[in-house]
Amino acid sequence: MTRRGKSYVRNSDCYYIYVKTAGLATFDKEIGLSIKRKRLRLGRRLQTAA
C-alpha cells in the first residue's frame, strides 16, 4: 500500500467505504464506527449536514 509517497506493508486487507451525505445518519445509526476519532468526525459531518 502506498500513501503520500511512502510504501507500507499490511497484514490484512484494507477497505474504503464511501457514504453519500444523505446516508450519513442511517450509516451512523445502523453501522456506526468504533474508532473515536472517526466517530467524532462523523458527528461533525452530521451536524453540518443537518
PDB file of N, CA and C in Angstrom:
ATOM      1  N   MET A   1       0.852  -1.168   0.000  1.00  0.00           N
ATOM      2  CA  MET A   1       0.000   0.000   0.000  1.00  0.00           C
ATOM      3  C   MET A   1       0.902   1.237   0.000  1.00  0.00           C
ATOM      4  N   THR A   2       0.609   2.196  -0.852  1.00  0.00           N
ATOM      5  CA  THR A   2       1.379   3.429  -0.912  1.00  0.00           C
ATOM      6  C   THR A   2       0.487   4.587  -0.503  1.00  0.00           C
ATOM      7  N   ARG A   3       0.972   5.365   0.441  1.00  0.00           N
ATOM      8  CA  ARG A   3       0.224   6.514   0.937  1.00  0.00           C
ATOM      9  C   ARG A   3       1.170   7.686   1.094  1.00  0.00           C
ATOM     10  N   ARG A   4       0.856   8.803   0.446  1.00  0.00           N
ATOM     11  CA  ARG A   4       1.680  10.011   0.500  1.00  0.00           C
ATOM     12  C   ARG A   4       3.124   9.730   0.117  1.00  0.00           C
ATOM     13  N   GLY A   5       3.307   8.880  -0.876  1.00  0.00           N
ATOM     14  CA  GLY A   5       4.621   8.579  -1.390  1.00  0.00           C
ATOM     15  C   GLY A   5       5.423   7.572  -0.585  1.00  0.00           C
ATOM     16  N   LYS A   6       4.867   7.062   0.497  1.00  0.00           N
ATOM     17  CA  LYS A   6       5.572   6.090   1.330  1.00  0.00           C
ATOM     18  C   LYS A   6       4.842   4.751   1.255  1.00  0.00           C
ATOM     19  N   SER A   7       5.595   3.659   1.109  1.00  0.00           N
ATOM     20  CA  SER A   7       5.001   2.332   0.998  1.00  0.00           C
ATOM     21  C   SER A   7       4.895   1.670   2.364  1.00  0.00           C
ATOM     22  N   TYR A   8       3.781   0.982   2.584  1.00  0.00           N
ATOM     23  CA  TYR A   8       3.514   0.274   3.830  1.00  0.00           C
ATOM     24  C   TYR A   8       3.129  -1.162   3.507  1.00  0.00           C
ATOM     25  N   VAL A   9       3.467  -2.073   4.398  1.00  0.00           N
ATOM     26  CA  VAL A   9       3.072  -3.467   4.263  1.00  0.00           C
ATOM     27  C   VAL A   9       1.920  -3.711   5.221  1.00  0.00           C
ATOM     28  N   ARG A  10       0.845  -4.280   4.722  1.00  0.00           N
ATOM     29  CA  ARG A  10      -0.337  -4.563   5.541  1.00  0.00           C
ATOM     30  C   ARG A  10      -0.440  -6.056   5.773  1.00  0.00           C
ATOM     31  N   ASN A  11      -0.827  -6.442   6.989  1.00  0.00           N
ATOM     32  CA  ASN A  11      -1.012  -7.855   7.311  1.00  0.00           C
ATOM     33  C   ASN A  11      -2.414  -8.337   6.976  1.00  0.00           C
ATOM     34  N   SER A  12      -3.323  -7.392   6.726  1.00  0.00           N
ATOM     35  CA  SER A  12      -4.685  -7.764   6.368  1.00  0.00           C
ATOM     36  C   SER A  12      -5.191  -6.811   5.285  1.00  0.00           C
ATOM     37  N   ASP A  13      -6.343  -7.129   4.728  1.00  0.00           N
ATOM     38  CA  ASP A  13      -6.917  -6.304   3.679  1.00  0.00           C
ATOM     39  C   ASP A  13      -7.404  -4.970   4.241  1.00  0.00           C
ATOM     40  N   CYS A  14      -7.337  -3.934   3.406  1.00  0.00           N
ATOM     41  CA  CYS A  14      -7.833  -2.609   3.757  1.00  0.00           C
ATOM     42  C   CYS A  14      -9.015  -2.290   2.846  1.00  0.00           C
ATOM     43  N   TYR A  15     -10.035  -1.681   3.407  1.00  0.00           N
ATOM     44  CA  TYR A  15     -11.228  -1.357   2.645  1.00  0.00           C
ATOM     45  C   TYR A  15     -11.584   0.105   2.830  1.00  0.00           C
ATOM     46  N   TYR A  16     -12.194   0.695   1.804  1.00  0.00           N
ATOM     47  CA  TYR A  16     -12.707   2.049   1.863  1.00  0.00           C
ATOM     48  C   TYR A  16     -14.209   1.982   1.660  1.00  0.00           C
ATOM     49  N   ILE A  17     -14.939   2.742   2.443  1.00  0.00           N
ATOM     50  CA  ILE A  17     -16.396   2.807   2.304  1.00  0.00           C
ATOM     51  C   ILE A  17     -16.759   4.256   2.011  1.00  0.00           C
ATOM     52  N   TYR A  18     -17.487   4.475   0.939  1.00  0.00           N
ATOM     53  CA  TYR A  18     -17.939   5.801   0.581  1.00  0.00           C
ATOM     54  C   TYR A  18     -19.442   5.882   0.844  1.00  0.00           C
ATOM     55  N   VAL A  19     -19.834   6.845   1.672  1.00  0.00           N
ATOM     56  CA  VAL A  19     -21.243   7.040   2.022  1.00  0.00           C
ATOM     57  C   VAL A  19     -21.618   8.455   1.609  1.00  0.00           C
ATOM     58  N   LYS A  20     -22.689   8.590   0.850  1.00  0.00           N
ATOM     59  CA  LYS A  20     -23.156   9.907   0.451  1.00  0.00           C
ATOM     60  C   LYS A  20     -23.692  10.656   1.670  1.00  0.00           C
ATOM     61  N   THR A  21     -23.676  11.970   1.602  1.00  0.00           N
ATOM     62  CA  THR A  21     -24.108  12.806   2.720  1.00  0.00           C
ATOM     63  C   THR A  21     -25.527  12.461   3.165  1.00  0.00           C
ATOM     64  N   ALA A  22     -26.395  12.161   2.232  1.00  0.00           N
ATOM     65  CA  ALA A  22     -27.786  11.843   2.571  1.00  0.00           C
ATOM     66  C   ALA A  22     -27.892  10.561   3.396  1.00  0.00           C
ATOM     67  N   GLY A  23     -26.914   9.678   3.303  1.00  0.00           N
ATOM     68  CA  GLY A  23     -26.961   8.416   4.022  1.00  0.00           C
ATOM     69  C   GLY A  23     -26.139   8.374   5.304  1.00  0.00           C
ATOM     70  N   LEU A  24     -25.534   9.505   5.706  1.00  0.00           N
ATOM     71  CA  LEU A  24     -24.677   9.508   6.886  1.00  0.00           C
ATOM     72  C   LEU A  24     -25.432   9.163   8.171  1.00  0.00           C
ATOM     73  N   ALA A  25     -26.619   9.715   8.351  1.00  0.00           N
ATOM     74  CA  ALA A  25     -27.390   9.454   9.570  1.00  0.00           C
ATOM     75  C   ALA A  25     -27.758   7.976   9.659  1.00  0.00           C
ATOM     76  N   THR A  26     -28.168   7.393   8.552  1.00  0.00           N
ATOM     77  CA  THR A  26     -28.510   5.970   8.524  1.00  0.00           C
ATOM     78  C   THR A  26     -27.277   5.121   8.803  1.00  0.00           C
ATOM     79  N   PHE A  27     -26.155   5.477   8.208  1.00  0.00           N
ATOM     80  CA  PHE A  27     -24.913   4.750   8.442  1.00  0.00           C
ATOM     81  C   PHE A  27     -24.543   4.793   9.922  1.00  0.00           C
ATOM     82  N   ASP A  28     -24.639   5.964  10.532  1.00  0.00           N
ATOM     83  CA  ASP A  28     -24.297   6.108  11.949  1.00  0.00           C
ATOM     84  C   ASP A  28     -25.213   5.278  12.831  1.00  0.00           C
ATOM     85  N   LYS A  29     -26.511   5.278  12.526  1.00  0.00           N
ATOM     86  CA  LYS A  29     -27.476   4.547  13.350  1.00  0.00           C
ATOM     87  C   LYS A  29     -27.361   3.040  13.158  1.00  0.00           C
ATOM     88  N   GLU A  30     -27.219   2.594  11.928  1.00  0.00           N
ATOM     89  CA  GLU A  30     -27.223   1.156  11.631  1.00  0.00           C
ATOM     90  C   GLU A  30     -25.858   0.486  11.827  1.00  0.00           C
ATOM     91  N   ILE A  31     -24.797   1.170  11.464  1.00  0.00           N
ATOM     92  CA  ILE A  31     -23.469   0.551  11.488  1.00  0.00           C
ATOM     93  C   ILE A  31     -22.583   1.194  12.543  1.00  0.00           C
ATOM     94  N   GLY A  32     -22.436   2.506  12.491  1.00  0.00           N
ATOM     95  CA  GLY A  32     -21.597   3.217  13.448  1.00  0.00           C
ATOM     96  C   GLY A  32     -20.113   2.971  13.216  1.00  0.00           C
ATOM     97  N   LEU A  33     -19.302   3.569  14.078  1.00  0.00           N
ATOM     98  CA  LEU A  33     -17.852   3.439  13.994  1.00  0.00           C
ATOM     99  C   LEU A  33     -17.304   3.146  15.383  1.00  0.00           C
ATOM    100  N   SER A  34     -16.214   2.393  15.452  1.00  0.00           N
ATOM    101  CA  SER A  34     -15.635   2.043  16.752  1.00  0.00           C
ATOM    102  C   SER A  34     -14.423   2.903  17.101  1.00  0.00           C
ATOM    103  N   ILE A  35     -13.806   3.543  16.118  1.00  0.00           N
ATOM    104  CA  ILE A  35     -12.628   4.369  16.366  1.00  0.00           C
ATOM    105  C   ILE A  35     -13.090   5.775  16.744  1.00  0.00           C
ATOM    106  N   LYS A  36     -12.628   6.242  17.915  1.00  0.00           N
ATOM    107  CA  LYS A  36     -13.115   7.501  18.477  1.00  0.00           C
ATOM    108  C   LYS A  36     -12.934   8.688  17.533  1.00  0.00           C
ATOM    109  N   ARG A  37     -11.758   8.832  16.917  1.00  0.00           N
ATOM    110  CA  ARG A  37     -11.516   9.988  16.041  1.00  0.00           C
ATOM    111  C   ARG A  37     -12.444   9.973  14.826  1.00  0.00           C
ATOM    112  N   LYS A  38     -12.802   8.782  14.356  1.00  0.00           N
ATOM    113  CA  LYS A  38     -13.706   8.678  13.214  1.00  0.00           C
ATOM    114  C   LYS A  38     -15.147   8.956  13.642  1.00  0.00           C
ATOM    115  N   ARG A  39     -15.524   8.515  14.850  1.00  0.00           N
ATOM    116  CA  ARG A  39     -16.857   8.824  15.381  1.00  0.00           C
ATOM    117  C   ARG A  39     -17.041  10.324  15.531  1.00  0.00           C
ATOM    118  N   LEU A  40     -16.011  11.014  16.052  1.00  0.00           N
ATOM    119  CA  LEU A  40     -16.084  12.465  16.225  1.00  0.00           C
ATOM    120  C   LEU A  40     -16.219  13.167  14.880  1.00  0.00           C
ATOM    121  N   ARG A  41     -15.471  12.709  13.891  1.00  0.00           N
ATOM    122  CA  ARG A  41     -15.535  13.305  12.557  1.00  0.00           C
ATOM    123  C   ARG A  41     -16.909  13.093  11.929  1.00  0.00           C
ATOM    124  N   LEU A  42     -17.464  11.901  12.100  1.00  0.00           N
ATOM    125  CA  LEU A  42     -18.804  11.617  11.584  1.00  0.00           C
ATOM    126  C   LEU A  42     -19.834  12.507  12.276  1.00  0.00           C
ATOM    127  N   GLY A  43     -19.694  12.680  13.582  1.00  0.00           N
ATOM    128  CA  GLY A  43     -20.613  13.548  14.322  1.00  0.00           C
ATOM    129  C   GLY A  43     -20.582  14.982  13.824  1.00  0.00           C
ATOM    130  N   ARG A  44     -19.384  15.489  13.525  1.00  0.00           N
ATOM    131  CA  ARG A  44     -19.275  16.841  12.983  1.00  0.00           C
ATOM    132  C   ARG A  44     -19.925  16.957  11.622  1.00  0.00           C
ATOM    133  N   ARG A  45     -19.747  15.917  10.790  1.00  0.00           N
ATOM    134  CA  ARG A  45     -20.373  15.928   9.465  1.00  0.00           C
ATOM    135  C   ARG A  45     -21.895  15.899   9.568  1.00  0.00           C
ATOM    136  N   LEU A  46     -22.395  15.137  10.540  1.00  0.00           N
ATOM    137  CA  LEU A  46     -23.851  15.061  10.726  1.00  0.00           C
ATOM    138  C   LEU A  46     -24.411  16.408  11.159  1.00  0.00           C
ATOM    139  N   GLN A  47     -23.676  17.129  11.998  1.00  0.00           N
ATOM    140  CA  GLN A  47     -24.133  18.448  12.460  1.00  0.00           C
ATOM    141  C   GLN A  47     -24.156  19.455  11.326  1.00  0.00           C
ATOM    142  N   THR A  48     -23.155  19.423  10.433  1.00  0.00           N
ATOM    143  CA  THR A  48     -23.112  20.385   9.336  1.00  0.00           C
ATOM    144  C   THR A  48     -24.095  20.010   8.235  1.00  0.00           C
ATOM    145  N   ALA A  49     -24.432  18.719   8.119  1.00  0.00           N
ATOM    146  CA  ALA A  49     -25.371  18.285   7.079  1.00  0.00           C
ATOM    147  C   ALA A  49     -26.815  18.591   7.463  1.00  0.00           C
ATOM    148  N   ALA A  50     -27.078  18.727   8.755  1.00  0.00           N
ATOM    149  CA  ALA A  50     -28.457  18.947   9.219  1.00  0.00           C
ATOM    150  C   ALA A  50     -28.907  20.369   9.056  1.00  0.00           C
TER     151      ALA A  50
END
